[in-house]
Amino acid sequence: MRLCELQEKEVINVCDCKCLGNVIDLEFDEQSGCIRAIIVPGPCKVFGLFGHEFELCIPWKCIVRIGSDIILVEIKEEDVRKKL
């Protein structure tokens, strides 16, 4: 699977059935070359403008399933927030 294919999939949290958005980036382990986490942008600041306050750095181990059009994750959103 390519990054562009991952970016087309919606990320859904199975804990609260909330749509978190789409993957924008990946975080890799420099030593092993393995994917450490997927990065999903947080909500926009004001009226969908002015960028994002935080992003969600979802560890690879929290991915439950990658389907044809969605990625299911099991996370506590406050635990994976990363301030920008």
Protein backbone atom coordinates (compact mmCIF):
# COMPACT_ATOMS: atom_id res chain seq x y z
CA MET A 1 0.00 0.00 0.00
CA ARG A 2 1.24 3.48 -0.85
CA LEU A 3 1.01 6.66 1.22
CA CYS A 4 -1.37 8.21 -1.32
CA GLU A 5 -3.74 5.26 -0.79
CA LEU A 6 -3.58 5.73 2.99
CA GLN A 7 -4.31 9.45 2.61
CA GLU A 8 -7.60 8.68 0.83
CA LYS A 9 -8.94 6.65 3.76
CA GLU A 10 -10.94 8.16 6.63
CA VAL A 11 -9.69 7.40 10.14
CA ILE A 12 -12.48 6.32 12.52
CA ASN A 13 -12.12 5.89 16.28
CA VAL A 14 -13.97 2.70 17.32
CA CYS A 15 -14.26 3.92 20.94
CA ASP A 16 -16.71 6.72 20.08
CA CYS A 17 -17.35 6.14 16.34
CA LYS A 18 -15.94 9.61 15.60
CA CYS A 19 -14.40 10.44 12.24
CA LEU A 20 -10.95 11.87 12.95
CA GLY A 21 -10.04 12.88 9.39
CA ASN A 22 -7.56 11.61 6.83
CA VAL A 23 -3.92 10.59 7.18
CA ILE A 24 -1.56 13.44 6.25
CA ASP A 25 1.79 11.95 7.23
CA LEU A 26 3.61 8.97 8.69
CA GLU A 27 6.19 8.76 11.46
CA PHE A 28 9.02 6.26 10.93
CA ASP A 29 11.53 4.64 13.27
CA GLU A 30 14.95 5.67 11.92
CA GLN A 31 16.64 2.48 13.16
CA SER A 32 14.27 -0.17 11.83
CA GLY A 33 12.49 1.76 9.05
CA CYS A 34 9.11 0.61 10.40
CA ILE A 35 6.09 2.90 10.60
CA ARG A 36 5.74 4.15 14.17
CA ALA A 37 2.54 6.24 13.82
CA ILE A 38 0.06 7.83 11.43
CA ILE A 39 -0.54 11.59 11.66
CA VAL A 40 -4.06 13.03 11.34
CA PRO A 41 -4.72 16.80 11.56
CA GLY A 42 -6.90 18.06 14.41
CA PRO A 43 -9.90 20.33 13.81
CA CYS A 44 -9.33 23.84 12.45
CA LYS A 45 -9.08 26.74 14.93
CA VAL A 46 -11.75 29.25 13.87
CA PHE A 47 -14.48 28.66 11.26
CA GLY A 48 -12.22 26.23 9.40
CA LEU A 49 -9.52 28.87 9.01
CA PHE A 50 -6.11 29.66 10.51
CA GLY A 51 -4.69 26.13 10.58
CA HIS A 52 -4.84 23.57 13.36
CA GLU A 53 -4.11 23.74 17.08
CA PHE A 54 -2.93 20.15 17.30
CA GLU A 55 -2.52 16.95 15.34
CA LEU A 56 -3.24 13.37 16.31
CA CYS A 57 -0.18 11.11 16.36
CA ILE A 58 -1.79 7.66 16.37
CA PRO A 59 0.60 4.80 17.19
CA TRP A 60 0.65 1.98 14.64
CA LYS A 61 -0.24 -0.53 17.39
CA CYS A 62 -3.57 1.31 17.91
CA ILE A 63 -4.75 0.54 14.38
CA VAL A 64 -7.45 -2.12 14.60
CA ARG A 65 -8.10 -2.64 10.89
CA ILE A 66 -7.31 -1.07 7.53
CA GLY A 67 -10.22 -1.51 5.16
CA SER A 68 -10.80 -0.54 1.56
CA ASP A 69 -12.02 2.97 2.45
CA ILE A 70 -11.47 3.45 6.21
CA ILE A 71 -8.88 2.91 8.93
CA LEU A 72 -10.28 1.83 12.30
CA VAL A 73 -8.28 2.91 15.35
CA GLU A 74 -8.82 2.44 19.07
CA ILE A 75 -7.51 5.47 20.96
CA LYS A 76 -8.26 7.99 23.68
CA GLU A 77 -8.07 11.19 21.67
CA GLU A 78 -6.52 13.24 24.48
CA ASP A 79 -3.65 10.72 24.76
CA VAL A 80 -2.54 11.09 21.13
CA ARG A 81 -2.84 14.88 20.76
CA LYS A 82 0.37 16.58 19.77
CA LYS A 83 0.47 20.39 20.12
CA LEU A 84 1.70 22.27 17.03
